[in-house]
Amino acid sequence: MRKAKSRMSFRPLRSECGKKVRLTLGLLAWIILIALWFTVTELKLLPPLSFPQPVKVLEALVRLWKDYDLFGNVAQSWWRIAQAFALSAVVAIRSAFAMASFAGSAHLSIQFQCRCGRCPITAFLPLSWGSSVWTK
């Protein structure tokens, strides 16, 4: 007696989709997301302060773009992030060379790492507030 195959094949799911299918699925995902957003805001399932209506978000985006130089502010933020990355890379590479070359610097840095290594990054935010947030 021969056993019937009981295993289901997932081969069709793993095959490549055509360009048209990928485009359709991508657009469908965005349409579903925006429709869900409209539905949640119309039914007032969440407070408007934390989950605003899509039309109001679009109006605020246009106002930010026209009146408050949104592009300039975003470019300035990217520039600050690039500067911070470059500075941290320089400090990290020099520290790594120092720790690898001199045992004393490794022992010194391990003390800092043991005390601050497990701190979340948000714990260091108040250190940067002095010049940017309170002086505006």
C-alpha atoms as a PDB file:
ATOM      1  CA  MET A   1       0.000   0.000   0.000  1.00  0.00           C
ATOM      2  CA  ARG A   2       1.305   3.418  -0.910  1.00  0.00           C
ATOM      3  CA  LYS A   3       1.248   6.373   1.512  1.00  0.00           C
ATOM      4  CA  ALA A   4      -0.436   9.556   0.415  1.00  0.00           C
ATOM      5  CA  LYS A   5       1.660  12.699   0.425  1.00  0.00           C
ATOM      6  CA  SER A   6       0.701  14.761   3.437  1.00  0.00           C
ATOM      7  CA  ARG A   7       3.298  17.483   3.123  1.00  0.00           C
ATOM      8  CA  MET A   8       2.170  20.746   1.667  1.00  0.00           C
ATOM      9  CA  SER A   9       4.559  22.451  -0.692  1.00  0.00           C
ATOM     10  CA  PHE A  10       5.487  26.093  -0.184  1.00  0.00           C
ATOM     11  CA  ARG A  11       7.351  26.261  -3.454  1.00  0.00           C
ATOM     12  CA  PRO A  12       4.857  28.636  -5.139  1.00  0.00           C
ATOM     13  CA  LEU A  13       5.176  31.043  -2.188  1.00  0.00           C
ATOM     14  CA  ARG A  14       8.955  31.131  -2.506  1.00  0.00           C
ATOM     15  CA  SER A  15       9.046  31.852  -6.208  1.00  0.00           C
ATOM     16  CA  GLU A  16       9.781  35.310  -7.590  1.00  0.00           C
ATOM     17  CA  CYS A  17       6.902  37.651  -8.297  1.00  0.00           C
ATOM     18  CA  GLY A  18       6.679  39.649 -11.458  1.00  0.00           C
ATOM     19  CA  LYS A  19       7.216  43.398 -11.513  1.00  0.00           C
ATOM     20  CA  LYS A  20       3.488  44.055 -11.945  1.00  0.00           C
ATOM     21  CA  VAL A  21       2.585  41.877  -8.944  1.00  0.00           C
ATOM     22  CA  ARG A  22       5.219  43.577  -6.756  1.00  0.00           C
ATOM     23  CA  LEU A  23       3.950  47.024  -7.745  1.00  0.00           C
ATOM     24  CA  THR A  24       0.339  46.011  -7.114  1.00  0.00           C
ATOM     25  CA  LEU A  25       1.125  44.530  -3.698  1.00  0.00           C
ATOM     26  CA  GLY A  26       3.168  47.588  -2.743  1.00  0.00           C
ATOM     27  CA  LEU A  27       0.369  49.980  -3.685  1.00  0.00           C
ATOM     28  CA  LEU A  28      -2.218  47.759  -2.009  1.00  0.00           C
ATOM     29  CA  ALA A  29      -0.243  47.803   1.249  1.00  0.00           C
ATOM     30  CA  TRP A  30      -0.185  51.629   1.250  1.00  0.00           C
ATOM     31  CA  ILE A  31      -3.877  51.845   0.376  1.00  0.00           C
ATOM     32  CA  ILE A  32      -4.792  49.479   3.221  1.00  0.00           C
ATOM     33  CA  LEU A  33      -2.606  51.413   5.673  1.00  0.00           C
ATOM     34  CA  ILE A  34      -4.119  54.786   4.753  1.00  0.00           C
ATOM     35  CA  ALA A  35      -7.660  53.365   4.769  1.00  0.00           C
ATOM     36  CA  LEU A  36      -7.006  51.941   8.232  1.00  0.00           C
ATOM     37  CA  TRP A  37      -5.689  55.333   9.339  1.00  0.00           C
ATOM     38  CA  PHE A  38      -8.847  57.088   8.057  1.00  0.00           C
ATOM     39  CA  THR A  39     -11.048  54.468   9.737  1.00  0.00           C
ATOM     40  CA  VAL A  40      -9.346  54.705  13.126  1.00  0.00           C
ATOM     41  CA  THR A  41      -9.513  58.506  13.133  1.00  0.00           C
ATOM     42  CA  GLU A  42     -13.124  58.666  11.938  1.00  0.00           C
ATOM     43  CA  LEU A  43     -14.271  56.191  14.597  1.00  0.00           C
ATOM     44  CA  LYS A  44     -12.233  58.135  17.200  1.00  0.00           C
ATOM     45  CA  LEU A  45     -10.669  54.962  18.563  1.00  0.00           C
ATOM     46  CA  LEU A  46      -7.579  56.906  19.640  1.00  0.00           C
ATOM     47  CA  PRO A  47      -7.232  60.474  20.906  1.00  0.00           C
ATOM     48  CA  PRO A  48      -6.589  63.016  18.123  1.00  0.00           C
ATOM     49  CA  LEU A  49      -3.547  64.427  19.909  1.00  0.00           C
ATOM     50  CA  SER A  50      -1.672  61.140  19.617  1.00  0.00           C
ATOM     51  CA  PHE A  51      -3.265  59.909  16.368  1.00  0.00           C
ATOM     52  CA  PRO A  52      -4.326  62.874  14.189  1.00  0.00           C
ATOM     53  CA  GLN A  53      -6.416  62.732  11.054  1.00  0.00           C
ATOM     54  CA  PRO A  54      -4.508  62.194   7.795  1.00  0.00           C
ATOM     55  CA  VAL A  55      -5.834  65.427   6.277  1.00  0.00           C
ATOM     56  CA  LYS A  56      -4.583  67.456   9.255  1.00  0.00           C
ATOM     57  CA  VAL A  57      -1.183  65.796   9.011  1.00  0.00           C
ATOM     58  CA  LEU A  58      -1.009  66.707   5.328  1.00  0.00           C
ATOM     59  CA  GLU A  59      -2.020  70.306   6.092  1.00  0.00           C
ATOM     60  CA  ALA A  60       0.669  70.522   8.774  1.00  0.00           C
ATOM     61  CA  LEU A  61       3.247  69.118   6.344  1.00  0.00           C
ATOM     62  CA  VAL A  62       2.382  71.776   3.757  1.00  0.00           C
ATOM     63  CA  ARG A  63       2.528  74.507   6.414  1.00  0.00           C
ATOM     64  CA  LEU A  64       5.914  73.249   7.654  1.00  0.00           C
ATOM     65  CA  TRP A  65       7.252  73.091   4.104  1.00  0.00           C
ATOM     66  CA  LYS A  66       6.109  76.609   3.170  1.00  0.00           C
ATOM     67  CA  ASP A  67       6.359  78.639   6.364  1.00  0.00           C
ATOM     68  CA  TYR A  68       9.037  76.945   8.464  1.00  0.00           C
ATOM     69  CA  ASP A  69      11.635  75.778   5.907  1.00  0.00           C
ATOM     70  CA  LEU A  70      11.161  72.060   6.491  1.00  0.00           C
ATOM     71  CA  PHE A  71      13.807  71.088   3.938  1.00  0.00           C
ATOM     72  CA  GLY A  72      16.410  73.405   5.478  1.00  0.00           C
ATOM     73  CA  ASN A  73      15.739  72.056   8.969  1.00  0.00           C
ATOM     74  CA  VAL A  74      15.959  68.451   7.800  1.00  0.00           C
ATOM     75  CA  ALA A  75      19.210  69.197   5.944  1.00  0.00           C
ATOM     76  CA  GLN A  76      20.623  70.840   9.081  1.00  0.00           C
ATOM     77  CA  SER A  77      19.652  67.780  11.147  1.00  0.00           C
ATOM     78  CA  TRP A  78      21.379  65.469   8.649  1.00  0.00           C
ATOM     79  CA  TRP A  79      24.480  67.674   8.791  1.00  0.00           C
ATOM     80  CA  ARG A  80      24.534  67.456  12.610  1.00  0.00           C
ATOM     81  CA  ILE A  81      24.093  63.675  12.458  1.00  0.00           C
ATOM     82  CA  ALA A  82      26.967  63.391   9.965  1.00  0.00           C
ATOM     83  CA  GLN A  83      29.194  65.527  12.195  1.00  0.00           C
ATOM     84  CA  ALA A  84      28.322  63.442  15.256  1.00  0.00           C
ATOM     85  CA  PHE A  85      29.027  60.227  13.362  1.00  0.00           C
ATOM     86  CA  ALA A  86      32.385  61.489  12.118  1.00  0.00           C
ATOM     87  CA  LEU A  87      33.412  62.704  15.571  1.00  0.00           C
ATOM     88  CA  SER A  88      32.341  59.461  17.243  1.00  0.00           C
ATOM     89  CA  ALA A  89      34.179  57.404  14.615  1.00  0.00           C
ATOM     90  CA  VAL A  90      37.389  59.379  15.195  1.00  0.00           C
ATOM     91  CA  VAL A  91      37.092  59.048  18.973  1.00  0.00           C
ATOM     92  CA  ALA A  92      36.218  55.340  18.802  1.00  0.00           C
ATOM     93  CA  ILE A  93      39.063  54.449  16.425  1.00  0.00           C
ATOM     94  CA  ARG A  94      41.654  56.408  18.414  1.00  0.00           C
ATOM     95  CA  SER A  95      40.383  54.898  21.671  1.00  0.00           C
ATOM     96  CA  ALA A  96      40.525  51.399  20.197  1.00  0.00           C
ATOM     97  CA  PHE A  97      44.140  51.906  19.078  1.00  0.00           C
ATOM     98  CA  ALA A  98      45.055  53.303  22.497  1.00  0.00           C
ATOM     99  CA  MET A  99      43.377  50.403  24.296  1.00  0.00           C
ATOM    100  CA  ALA A 100      45.096  47.872  22.060  1.00  0.00           C
ATOM    101  CA  SER A 101      48.505  49.519  22.455  1.00  0.00           C
ATOM    102  CA  PHE A 102      48.582  50.452  26.136  1.00  0.00           C
ATOM    103  CA  ALA A 103      47.244  48.309  28.954  1.00  0.00           C
ATOM    104  CA  GLY A 104      46.735  51.374  31.146  1.00  0.00           C
ATOM    105  CA  SER A 105      44.297  52.986  28.729  1.00  0.00           C
ATOM    106  CA  ALA A 106      42.406  49.708  28.426  1.00  0.00           C
ATOM    107  CA  HIS A 107      42.044  49.494  32.221  1.00  0.00           C
ATOM    108  CA  LEU A 108      40.988  53.140  32.365  1.00  0.00           C
ATOM    109  CA  SER A 109      38.352  52.772  29.683  1.00  0.00           C
ATOM    110  CA  ILE A 110      36.983  49.529  31.128  1.00  0.00           C
ATOM    111  CA  GLN A 111      36.006  51.437  34.275  1.00  0.00           C
ATOM    112  CA  PHE A 112      33.906  53.830  32.211  1.00  0.00           C
ATOM    113  CA  GLN A 113      32.426  51.003  30.156  1.00  0.00           C
ATOM    114  CA  CYS A 114      31.402  49.043  33.238  1.00  0.00           C
ATOM    115  CA  ARG A 115      29.516  51.990  34.659  1.00  0.00           C
ATOM    116  CA  CYS A 116      28.047  53.483  31.488  1.00  0.00           C
ATOM    117  CA  GLY A 117      28.024  50.551  29.093  1.00  0.00           C
ATOM    118  CA  ARG A 118      24.479  49.518  29.877  1.00  0.00           C
ATOM    119  CA  CYS A 119      22.960  53.015  29.931  1.00  0.00           C
ATOM    120  CA  PRO A 120      20.358  53.598  27.254  1.00  0.00           C
ATOM    121  CA  ILE A 121      21.289  56.274  24.740  1.00  0.00           C
ATOM    122  CA  THR A 122      18.409  58.459  25.907  1.00  0.00           C
ATOM    123  CA  ALA A 123      20.115  58.798  29.289  1.00  0.00           C
ATOM    124  CA  PHE A 124      22.785  60.923  27.617  1.00  0.00           C
ATOM    125  CA  LEU A 125      20.318  63.351  25.989  1.00  0.00           C
ATOM    126  CA  PRO A 126      20.305  65.880  28.858  1.00  0.00           C
ATOM    127  CA  LEU A 127      24.034  66.363  28.228  1.00  0.00           C
ATOM    128  CA  SER A 128      23.256  67.869  24.831  1.00  0.00           C
ATOM    129  CA  TRP A 129      20.317  70.034  25.903  1.00  0.00           C
ATOM    130  CA  GLY A 130      22.357  72.896  27.315  1.00  0.00           C
ATOM    131  CA  SER A 131      23.166  74.551  24.014  1.00  0.00           C
ATOM    132  CA  SER A 132      20.331  73.515  21.744  1.00  0.00           C
ATOM    133  CA  VAL A 133      16.986  73.303  23.540  1.00  0.00           C
ATOM    134  CA  TRP A 134      17.090  75.974  26.216  1.00  0.00           C
ATOM    135  CA  THR A 135      18.700  78.711  24.150  1.00  0.00           C
ATOM    136  CA  LYS A 136      16.084  78.870  21.391  1.00  0.00           C
END
